[in-house]
Protein backbone atom coordinates (compact mmCIF):
# COMPACT_ATOMS: atom_id res chain seq x y z
CA MET A 1 -51.78 -134.22 118.87
CA ILE A 2 -51.52 -136.14 114.86
CA ILE A 3 -53.37 -134.45 112.11
CA GLU A 4 -53.83 -137.30 109.18
CA THR A 5 -55.18 -135.64 105.92
CA THR A 6 -56.51 -136.70 103.16
CA GLY A 7 -54.12 -139.24 100.46
CA LEU A 8 -54.24 -136.32 98.08
CA ALA A 9 -53.72 -133.25 100.19
CA GLU A 10 -50.54 -131.11 99.29
CA PRO A 11 -47.98 -130.32 102.45
CA ALA A 12 -47.42 -126.99 102.44
CA PRO A 13 -50.48 -125.13 103.41
CA VAL A 14 -50.80 -127.36 106.09
CA LEU A 15 -47.29 -126.61 107.60
CA ARG A 16 -48.02 -122.84 106.93
CA LEU A 17 -50.14 -123.22 109.72
CA PHE A 18 -47.77 -123.66 112.35
CA GLU A 19 -46.58 -120.56 111.29
CA ARG A 20 -49.55 -118.79 112.68
CA THR A 21 -48.32 -116.84 115.71
CA ASP A 22 -51.85 -117.91 117.74
CA ILE A 23 -51.39 -121.64 116.65
CA ARG A 24 -47.13 -121.76 116.96
CA SER A 25 -47.77 -120.17 121.08
CA ALA A 26 -49.68 -123.61 121.24
CA PHE A 27 -47.86 -125.75 119.42
CA ALA A 28 -44.89 -127.03 117.25
CA LEU A 29 -44.13 -129.20 114.54
CA ASP A 30 -42.42 -132.48 115.23
CA GLY A 31 -42.48 -134.12 112.05
CA VAL A 32 -44.17 -134.81 108.73
CA VAL A 33 -44.98 -138.69 108.11
CA THR A 34 -45.84 -140.01 104.60
CA VAL A 35 -46.89 -143.60 104.46
CA VAL A 36 -46.84 -145.10 100.67
CA ASP A 37 -47.80 -148.29 99.06
CA GLY A 38 -44.98 -150.19 98.14
CA MET A 39 -46.76 -151.90 95.33
CA HIS A 40 -47.85 -149.01 93.95
CA LEU A 41 -45.53 -146.41 94.54
CA GLN A 42 -44.08 -145.37 90.78
CA GLN A 43 -47.52 -145.41 89.49
CA SER A 44 -48.57 -143.25 92.32
CA LEU A 45 -45.99 -140.58 91.26
CA ALA A 46 -46.70 -141.26 87.87
CA GLU A 47 -50.35 -140.37 88.01
CA VAL A 48 -50.34 -137.76 91.38
CA THR A 49 -49.00 -135.01 91.24
CA ALA A 50 -49.53 -134.68 95.51
CA CYS A 51 -47.42 -137.80 95.99
CA LEU A 52 -43.99 -136.64 94.79
CA GLU A 53 -45.12 -133.76 97.30
CA GLN A 54 -46.07 -135.92 100.24
CA LEU A 55 -42.43 -137.47 99.72
CA ILE A 56 -40.33 -134.46 99.69
CA TYR A 57 -41.87 -132.74 102.47
CA ALA A 58 -41.81 -135.83 104.84
CA ASP A 59 -39.59 -136.66 108.05
CA LEU A 60 -40.49 -140.10 108.34
CA ILE A 61 -41.55 -141.94 105.38
CA MET A 62 -42.70 -145.37 105.88
CA ILE A 63 -42.86 -148.08 103.18
CA ASN A 64 -46.30 -150.18 103.64
CA LYS A 65 -46.65 -153.72 102.45
CA ALA A 66 -43.14 -154.49 102.63
CA ASP A 67 -44.32 -158.18 103.20
CA LEU A 68 -45.38 -158.53 100.01
CA LEU A 69 -42.01 -157.59 97.98
CA VAL A 70 -38.86 -158.77 98.10
CA ASP A 71 -35.77 -157.41 99.32
CA GLN A 72 -34.12 -156.76 95.76
CA ARG A 73 -37.45 -154.42 95.16
CA LEU A 74 -37.71 -153.01 98.71
CA SER A 75 -33.66 -151.56 98.17
CA VAL A 76 -34.76 -150.48 94.42
CA LEU A 77 -37.88 -148.64 96.42
CA GLU A 78 -35.23 -147.15 99.44
CA LYS A 79 -33.09 -145.55 96.85
CA GLU A 80 -35.73 -144.20 94.39
CA ILE A 81 -37.44 -142.57 97.50
CA ARG A 82 -33.85 -141.16 99.10
CA GLN A 83 -33.32 -139.75 95.63
CA ILE A 84 -36.42 -137.23 95.81
CA ASN A 85 -35.93 -136.83 99.78
CA PRO A 86 -32.68 -137.70 100.96
CA LEU A 87 -33.39 -135.54 104.29
CA ALA A 88 -35.70 -138.22 105.60
CA THR A 89 -35.79 -141.92 107.35
CA VAL A 90 -37.01 -144.63 105.51
CA GLU A 91 -38.52 -147.73 107.43
CA ARG A 92 -40.35 -150.67 106.42
CA ALA A 93 -44.20 -151.31 107.34
CA GLN A 94 -46.29 -154.22 107.31
CA PHE A 95 -50.11 -153.03 107.83
CA GLY A 96 -49.26 -149.96 108.23
CA GLN A 97 -47.50 -151.03 112.06
CA ILE A 98 -44.29 -149.37 113.23
CA ASP A 99 -42.82 -148.65 116.69
CA LEU A 100 -44.57 -145.39 118.06
CA PRO A 101 -41.66 -143.87 118.88
CA LEU A 102 -40.57 -143.18 115.33
CA VAL A 103 -43.43 -141.05 115.06
CA LEU A 104 -44.50 -139.45 118.07
CA GLU A 105 -40.80 -138.98 119.12
CA MET A 106 -39.12 -137.98 115.56
CA GLY A 107 -37.90 -134.05 116.24
CA GLY A 108 -37.10 -134.04 112.39
CA ALA A 109 -39.10 -130.77 111.62
CA THR A 110 -38.00 -128.88 114.85
CA GLY A 111 -34.12 -129.77 113.74
CA GLY A 112 -34.12 -131.88 117.10
CA LYS A 113 -32.12 -134.89 115.74
CA GLY A 114 -29.39 -132.45 113.81
CA ILE A 115 -27.04 -133.27 110.99
CA GLU A 116 -26.88 -137.18 111.92
CA SER A 117 -30.64 -137.46 110.39
CA LEU A 118 -29.79 -136.96 106.78
CA HIS A 119 -28.94 -139.48 104.56
CA PRO A 120 -26.09 -139.41 102.30
CA THR A 121 -27.42 -138.27 98.37
CA ASP A 122 -25.00 -138.37 95.21
CA PRO A 123 -24.88 -134.63 94.05
CA ASP A 124 -27.22 -133.26 91.81
CA SER A 125 -29.40 -136.65 91.77
CA HIS A 126 -32.57 -136.54 90.22
CA SER A 127 -35.65 -137.77 91.15
CA HIS A 128 -38.81 -139.08 89.36
CA ASP A 129 -39.78 -135.64 88.04
CA GLU A 130 -36.49 -134.83 86.47
CA GLY A 131 -36.61 -130.96 87.17
CA ILE A 132 -35.97 -131.60 91.03
CA LYS A 133 -32.39 -132.21 92.38
CA ALA A 134 -31.08 -133.16 95.90
CA ILE A 135 -28.07 -130.88 96.55
CA GLY A 136 -25.24 -131.39 99.21
CA LEU A 137 -23.11 -128.81 100.75
CA GLU A 138 -20.46 -128.26 103.19
CA ALA A 139 -18.24 -125.01 104.44
CA LYS A 140 -15.75 -125.30 107.00
CA GLY A 141 -15.64 -122.74 109.32
CA ASN A 142 -18.40 -120.27 111.06
CA VAL A 143 -21.11 -118.52 109.32
CA ASN A 144 -22.08 -114.54 109.47
CA LEU A 145 -25.75 -115.54 110.47
CA GLU A 146 -27.01 -112.02 109.23
CA ALA A 147 -25.75 -113.25 106.15
CA LEU A 148 -27.10 -116.39 105.65
CA ASP A 149 -30.21 -115.22 106.68
CA TYR A 150 -30.53 -112.31 103.68
CA TRP A 151 -28.96 -115.07 101.40
CA LEU A 152 -31.95 -117.83 101.81
CA GLY A 153 -34.64 -115.15 101.89
CA ASP A 154 -33.10 -113.57 98.38
CA LEU A 155 -32.75 -117.76 97.61
CA VAL A 156 -36.29 -118.47 98.29
CA ARG A 157 -37.71 -115.63 96.47
CA ARG A 158 -36.13 -116.53 93.48
CA ARG A 159 -38.25 -117.29 90.05
CA GLU A 160 -35.81 -119.13 88.55
CA ALA A 161 -34.91 -121.54 91.80
CA ASN A 162 -37.84 -123.26 93.63
CA VAL A 163 -36.41 -124.32 96.53
CA LEU A 164 -39.06 -126.94 98.16
CA ARG A 165 -37.04 -128.42 101.35
CA MET A 166 -33.55 -127.49 102.74
CA LYS A 167 -32.02 -128.40 105.95
CA GLY A 168 -28.84 -128.80 108.30
CA MET A 169 -26.33 -127.53 110.79
CA ILE A 170 -24.28 -124.72 111.11
CA ALA A 171 -21.75 -123.04 113.27
CA VAL A 172 -22.20 -119.47 114.18
CA GLN A 173 -19.43 -117.24 114.73
CA GLU A 174 -19.03 -116.44 118.34
CA ASP A 175 -21.53 -119.31 120.03
CA GLU A 176 -20.79 -122.63 121.28
CA ARG A 177 -23.88 -124.16 120.28
CA SER A 178 -24.18 -125.83 116.57
CA PHE A 179 -27.59 -124.50 115.26
CA VAL A 180 -30.50 -126.63 113.13
CA PHE A 181 -32.56 -125.26 110.69
CA ASN A 182 -35.34 -126.59 108.75
CA GLY A 183 -37.12 -125.29 105.75
CA VAL A 184 -39.95 -125.80 103.98
CA ARG A 185 -40.34 -123.27 100.78
CA ASP A 186 -40.15 -119.42 102.38
CA ILE A 187 -40.00 -120.88 106.07
CA VAL A 188 -37.16 -121.20 108.02
CA ASP A 189 -36.85 -122.30 111.44
CA VAL A 190 -33.77 -122.19 113.16
CA LYS A 191 -33.07 -123.85 117.00
CA PRO A 192 -29.72 -124.35 118.70
CA ASP A 193 -28.99 -127.71 118.88
CA ARG A 194 -26.15 -129.43 120.69
CA LEU A 195 -22.55 -127.81 121.69
CA TRP A 196 -19.97 -128.47 119.33
CA GLY A 197 -16.69 -129.17 122.16
CA GLU A 198 -13.77 -130.74 120.27
CA GLN A 199 -15.69 -131.03 117.16
CA LYS A 200 -14.37 -129.14 114.38
CA ARG A 201 -16.87 -126.31 113.18
CA VAL A 202 -18.62 -126.62 109.85
CA CYS A 203 -21.85 -125.57 108.14
CA LYS A 204 -23.51 -128.83 105.85
CA LEU A 205 -26.89 -127.74 104.46
CA VAL A 206 -28.65 -130.12 101.93
CA PHE A 207 -31.35 -128.20 99.35
CA ILE A 208 -34.26 -130.10 97.23
CA GLY A 209 -36.10 -128.03 94.44
CA ARG A 210 -36.16 -127.18 90.46
CA GLY A 211 -33.94 -125.15 89.20
CA LEU A 212 -30.87 -125.84 91.57
CA ASP A 213 -27.75 -124.79 90.48
CA ARG A 214 -24.60 -126.42 92.78
CA ARG A 215 -22.04 -123.78 91.80
CA VAL A 216 -24.47 -120.48 92.57
CA LEU A 217 -25.62 -122.61 96.09
CA GLN A 218 -21.80 -123.11 96.65
CA GLN A 219 -20.95 -119.52 96.10
CA GLY A 220 -23.60 -118.33 98.33
CA LEU A 221 -22.60 -120.24 100.88
CA ASP A 222 -19.26 -119.69 100.60
CA SER A 223 -19.75 -115.43 100.71
CA CYS A 224 -21.63 -116.19 103.82
CA MET A 225 -18.73 -117.95 105.76
CA ALA A 226 -17.42 -115.22 108.75
CA ASN A 227 -14.29 -117.32 108.21
CA PRO A 228 -13.88 -119.25 104.83
CA SER A 229 -12.03 -122.12 104.42
CA GLU A 230 -10.00 -122.99 101.29
CA GLU A 231 -11.20 -126.58 101.39
CA ILE A 232 -14.65 -126.48 100.60
CA THR A 233 -16.29 -130.35 99.39
CA GLU A 234 -19.34 -131.45 98.66
CA TYR A 235 -21.51 -132.38 101.46
CA ARG A 236 -22.87 -136.15 101.59
CA PRO A 237 -24.88 -136.77 105.08
CA THR A 238 -23.71 -139.67 107.25
CA GLN A 239 -26.57 -142.97 106.54
CA THR A 240 -28.40 -143.91 108.87
CA PRO A 241 -29.71 -147.20 108.43
CA SER A 242 -33.26 -148.73 107.71
CA CYS A 243 -34.54 -151.35 109.49
């Protein structure tokens, strides 16, 4: 089922519907698609608040009217979009046309694509709204799931830090599976993903929001690790090329 909202709709209230027991028992949210007008994106961001939120909550962002823009301009637009939302896949489109599997088989909101779906972002990159940051973190080893759950719950309830989106992959103590989580404000969905196998176990998280402090977030993640490593680095997800 595809739900098409109005052009000025705020995504968060719609996404919250999928947390209702009666809806969740029948439907699983596969992803959120945002179509932007490549010719007028900057103007829309300046004039319409919902435009920014639609980009932040998207799992797939289509830049429409790509045929009317030169490659250099398209590259600038893609960079600006990824500064707003480094978690989304960005695709170019003409007349709103795109390969259907990209839309119907995303697995983005449910975490099916795992960490490979994340795009690189510069540390503390700022979006069009200077108050919004995208921050990526990494900690090697296993996480204490109970501690992580408490920390994330406390984080989304803080007034000084407004977390709009979060996504990541975690290694859980005494479990051979990796887990992918996706969060929209105070709603967090965690699902098992692939087996770790011979890969090094690592926890990678990306946060998008206002009032975020990298040092505080890193300390919070470190405190949740079951076997913390001294080697903690900034997380820059592997880039997935856009078409």
